[in-house]
Amino acid sequence: MSMLSLALWLVNLTLDTTGQLAFKAAARGRTLSTPAHWRAVASSLWIWIGISCYCVEFLTWIAFVTLMPLSEAVLLASVNIVTVMIAARWIYNETLRPLRTLGILLVAAGVAVVGFGT
């Protein structure tokens, strides 16, 4: 993988993880059962941070897949599962049970094989 591909992958990963965490922050503590709850989410700074991250992520993704075969790029992008789960544990104190931890390790191993095996 070229240095540019690696940089785009890391930026994409960071934007995706940040976007997911921002969406969680926007929805946290809300039941979303009434229009007022939805308006509160829509007016939250966190929702707009998440949307902005996803918009920029889209552009980095397009750049990334121009440099890599899509089949490899998609596998490398799956590492976001790992980063989101670890960040959610750290920031939101979410539980990582043994089976989820095993899943994280398997995804990370798969990414390592794809990313460094080419």
C-alpha atoms as a PDB file:
ATOM      1  CA  MET A   1       0.000   0.000   0.000  1.00  0.00           C
ATOM      2  CA  SER A   2       1.365   3.405  -0.920  1.00  0.00           C
ATOM      3  CA  MET A   3       1.867   6.165   1.630  1.00  0.00           C
ATOM      4  CA  LEU A   4      -0.990   8.128   0.041  1.00  0.00           C
ATOM      5  CA  SER A   5      -3.302   5.106   0.285  1.00  0.00           C
ATOM      6  CA  LEU A   6      -2.308   4.619   3.907  1.00  0.00           C
ATOM      7  CA  ALA A   7      -2.919   8.297   4.695  1.00  0.00           C
ATOM      8  CA  LEU A   8      -6.329   8.256   3.006  1.00  0.00           C
ATOM      9  CA  TRP A   9      -7.267   5.065   4.833  1.00  0.00           C
ATOM     10  CA  LEU A  10      -6.309   6.555   8.210  1.00  0.00           C
ATOM     11  CA  VAL A  11      -8.173   9.801   7.504  1.00  0.00           C
ATOM     12  CA  ASN A  12     -11.213   7.813   6.383  1.00  0.00           C
ATOM     13  CA  LEU A  13     -11.033   5.658   9.493  1.00  0.00           C
ATOM     14  CA  THR A  14     -10.739   8.690  11.766  1.00  0.00           C
ATOM     15  CA  LEU A  15     -13.660  10.455  10.091  1.00  0.00           C
ATOM     16  CA  ASP A  16     -15.877   7.371  10.248  1.00  0.00           C
ATOM     17  CA  THR A  17     -15.119   6.739  13.913  1.00  0.00           C
ATOM     18  CA  THR A  18     -15.610  10.398  14.832  1.00  0.00           C
ATOM     19  CA  GLY A  19     -18.879  10.492  12.890  1.00  0.00           C
ATOM     20  CA  GLN A  20     -20.220   7.421  14.674  1.00  0.00           C
ATOM     21  CA  LEU A  21     -19.275   8.825  18.075  1.00  0.00           C
ATOM     22  CA  ALA A  22     -20.860  12.177  17.210  1.00  0.00           C
ATOM     23  CA  PHE A  23     -24.111  10.489  16.179  1.00  0.00           C
ATOM     24  CA  LYS A  24     -24.150   8.601  19.466  1.00  0.00           C
ATOM     25  CA  ALA A  25     -23.548  11.848  21.365  1.00  0.00           C
ATOM     26  CA  ALA A  26     -26.445  13.509  19.502  1.00  0.00           C
ATOM     27  CA  ALA A  27     -28.841  10.665  20.326  1.00  0.00           C
ATOM     28  CA  ARG A  28     -27.636   9.953  23.838  1.00  0.00           C
ATOM     29  CA  GLY A  29     -30.279  10.374  26.511  1.00  0.00           C
ATOM     30  CA  ARG A  30     -33.077  10.859  23.988  1.00  0.00           C
ATOM     31  CA  THR A  31     -35.925   8.476  23.316  1.00  0.00           C
ATOM     32  CA  LEU A  32     -36.733   9.920  19.879  1.00  0.00           C
ATOM     33  CA  SER A  33     -40.372   9.129  20.458  1.00  0.00           C
ATOM     34  CA  THR A  34     -41.740  12.575  19.685  1.00  0.00           C
ATOM     35  CA  PRO A  35     -41.119  15.205  17.029  1.00  0.00           C
ATOM     36  CA  ALA A  36     -39.607  17.423  19.743  1.00  0.00           C
ATOM     37  CA  HIS A  37     -36.931  14.811  20.418  1.00  0.00           C
ATOM     38  CA  TRP A  38     -36.117  14.599  16.724  1.00  0.00           C
ATOM     39  CA  ARG A  39     -35.895  18.394  16.489  1.00  0.00           C
ATOM     40  CA  ALA A  40     -33.513  18.390  19.445  1.00  0.00           C
ATOM     41  CA  VAL A  41     -31.293  15.870  17.697  1.00  0.00           C
ATOM     42  CA  ALA A  42     -31.439  17.808  14.427  1.00  0.00           C
ATOM     43  CA  SER A  43     -30.394  20.989  16.197  1.00  0.00           C
ATOM     44  CA  SER A  44     -27.581  19.310  18.128  1.00  0.00           C
ATOM     45  CA  LEU A  45     -24.044  20.323  17.269  1.00  0.00           C
ATOM     46  CA  TRP A  46     -23.065  16.647  17.492  1.00  0.00           C
ATOM     47  CA  ILE A  47     -25.379  15.596  14.676  1.00  0.00           C
ATOM     48  CA  TRP A  48     -23.829  18.213  12.403  1.00  0.00           C
ATOM     49  CA  ILE A  49     -20.329  17.148  13.365  1.00  0.00           C
ATOM     50  CA  GLY A  50     -21.297  13.573  12.440  1.00  0.00           C
ATOM     51  CA  ILE A  51     -22.840  14.619   9.127  1.00  0.00           C
ATOM     52  CA  SER A  52     -19.791  16.740   8.306  1.00  0.00           C
ATOM     53  CA  CYS A  53     -17.475  13.834   9.098  1.00  0.00           C
ATOM     54  CA  TYR A  54     -19.485  11.576   6.795  1.00  0.00           C
ATOM     55  CA  CYS A  55     -19.409  14.119   3.954  1.00  0.00           C
ATOM     56  CA  VAL A  56     -15.630  14.475   4.130  1.00  0.00           C
ATOM     57  CA  GLU A  57     -15.285  10.721   4.621  1.00  0.00           C
ATOM     58  CA  PHE A  58     -17.185  10.202   1.373  1.00  0.00           C
ATOM     59  CA  LEU A  59     -14.601  12.280  -0.483  1.00  0.00           C
ATOM     60  CA  THR A  60     -11.659  10.469   1.119  1.00  0.00           C
ATOM     61  CA  TRP A  61     -13.294   7.140   0.325  1.00  0.00           C
ATOM     62  CA  ILE A  62     -13.606   8.054  -3.362  1.00  0.00           C
ATOM     63  CA  ALA A  63      -9.934   9.042  -3.395  1.00  0.00           C
ATOM     64  CA  PHE A  64      -8.967   5.834  -1.573  1.00  0.00           C
ATOM     65  CA  VAL A  65     -10.795   3.510  -3.966  1.00  0.00           C
ATOM     66  CA  THR A  66      -9.167   5.181  -6.944  1.00  0.00           C
ATOM     67  CA  LEU A  67      -5.847   3.923  -5.582  1.00  0.00           C
ATOM     68  CA  MET A  68      -6.872   0.458  -4.391  1.00  0.00           C
ATOM     69  CA  PRO A  69      -8.910  -2.446  -5.702  1.00  0.00           C
ATOM     70  CA  LEU A  70     -12.395  -2.165  -4.214  1.00  0.00           C
ATOM     71  CA  SER A  71     -12.225  -5.692  -2.813  1.00  0.00           C
ATOM     72  CA  GLU A  72      -9.180  -4.730  -0.727  1.00  0.00           C
ATOM     73  CA  ALA A  73     -10.470  -1.278   0.193  1.00  0.00           C
ATOM     74  CA  VAL A  74     -13.710  -2.659   1.610  1.00  0.00           C
ATOM     75  CA  LEU A  75     -11.831  -5.170   3.750  1.00  0.00           C
ATOM     76  CA  LEU A  76      -9.506  -2.455   5.046  1.00  0.00           C
ATOM     77  CA  ALA A  77     -12.478  -0.205   5.782  1.00  0.00           C
ATOM     78  CA  SER A  78     -13.927  -2.888   8.052  1.00  0.00           C
ATOM     79  CA  VAL A  79     -11.387  -1.921  10.703  1.00  0.00           C
ATOM     80  CA  ASN A  80     -13.802   0.880  11.595  1.00  0.00           C
ATOM     81  CA  ILE A  81     -15.721  -1.790  13.511  1.00  0.00           C
ATOM     82  CA  VAL A  82     -12.689  -2.138  15.755  1.00  0.00           C
ATOM     83  CA  THR A  83     -12.076   1.579  16.237  1.00  0.00           C
ATOM     84  CA  VAL A  84     -15.732   2.381  16.909  1.00  0.00           C
ATOM     85  CA  MET A  85     -16.075  -0.409  19.475  1.00  0.00           C
ATOM     86  CA  ILE A  86     -12.882   0.591  21.286  1.00  0.00           C
ATOM     87  CA  ALA A  87     -13.780   4.292  21.228  1.00  0.00           C
ATOM     88  CA  ALA A  88     -17.320   3.562  22.444  1.00  0.00           C
ATOM     89  CA  ARG A  89     -15.848   1.569  25.319  1.00  0.00           C
ATOM     90  CA  TRP A  90     -13.469   4.391  26.204  1.00  0.00           C
ATOM     91  CA  ILE A  91     -15.840   7.351  25.743  1.00  0.00           C
ATOM     92  CA  TYR A  92     -19.269   5.887  26.559  1.00  0.00           C
ATOM     93  CA  ASN A  93     -18.158   3.086  28.874  1.00  0.00           C
ATOM     94  CA  GLU A  94     -19.862   0.486  26.707  1.00  0.00           C
ATOM     95  CA  THR A  95     -19.264  -3.145  27.582  1.00  0.00           C
ATOM     96  CA  LEU A  96     -16.900  -5.290  25.531  1.00  0.00           C
ATOM     97  CA  ARG A  97     -17.853  -8.868  26.202  1.00  0.00           C
ATOM     98  CA  PRO A  98     -15.448 -11.728  25.414  1.00  0.00           C
ATOM     99  CA  LEU A  99     -17.165 -12.670  22.147  1.00  0.00           C
ATOM    100  CA  ARG A 100     -17.058  -9.050  20.926  1.00  0.00           C
ATOM    101  CA  THR A 101     -13.409  -8.835  21.906  1.00  0.00           C
ATOM    102  CA  LEU A 102     -12.713 -11.988  19.900  1.00  0.00           C
ATOM    103  CA  GLY A 103     -14.534 -10.431  16.962  1.00  0.00           C
ATOM    104  CA  ILE A 104     -12.399  -7.300  17.229  1.00  0.00           C
ATOM    105  CA  LEU A 105      -9.245  -9.395  17.199  1.00  0.00           C
ATOM    106  CA  LEU A 106     -10.410 -11.394  14.171  1.00  0.00           C
ATOM    107  CA  VAL A 107     -11.299  -8.253  12.221  1.00  0.00           C
ATOM    108  CA  ALA A 108      -7.942  -6.684  13.122  1.00  0.00           C
ATOM    109  CA  ALA A 109      -6.118  -9.854  12.017  1.00  0.00           C
ATOM    110  CA  GLY A 110      -8.033  -9.881   8.732  1.00  0.00           C
ATOM    111  CA  VAL A 111      -7.185  -6.238   8.075  1.00  0.00           C
ATOM    112  CA  ALA A 112      -3.531  -6.912   8.805  1.00  0.00           C
ATOM    113  CA  VAL A 113      -3.494  -9.787   6.310  1.00  0.00           C
ATOM    114  CA  VAL A 114      -5.190  -7.719   3.608  1.00  0.00           C
ATOM    115  CA  GLY A 115      -3.311  -4.468   4.293  1.00  0.00           C
ATOM    116  CA  PHE A 116       0.151  -5.813   4.678  1.00  0.00           C
ATOM    117  CA  GLY A 117      -0.139  -8.880   2.480  1.00  0.00           C
ATOM    118  CA  THR A 118      -0.410  -6.908  -0.727  1.00  0.00           C
END
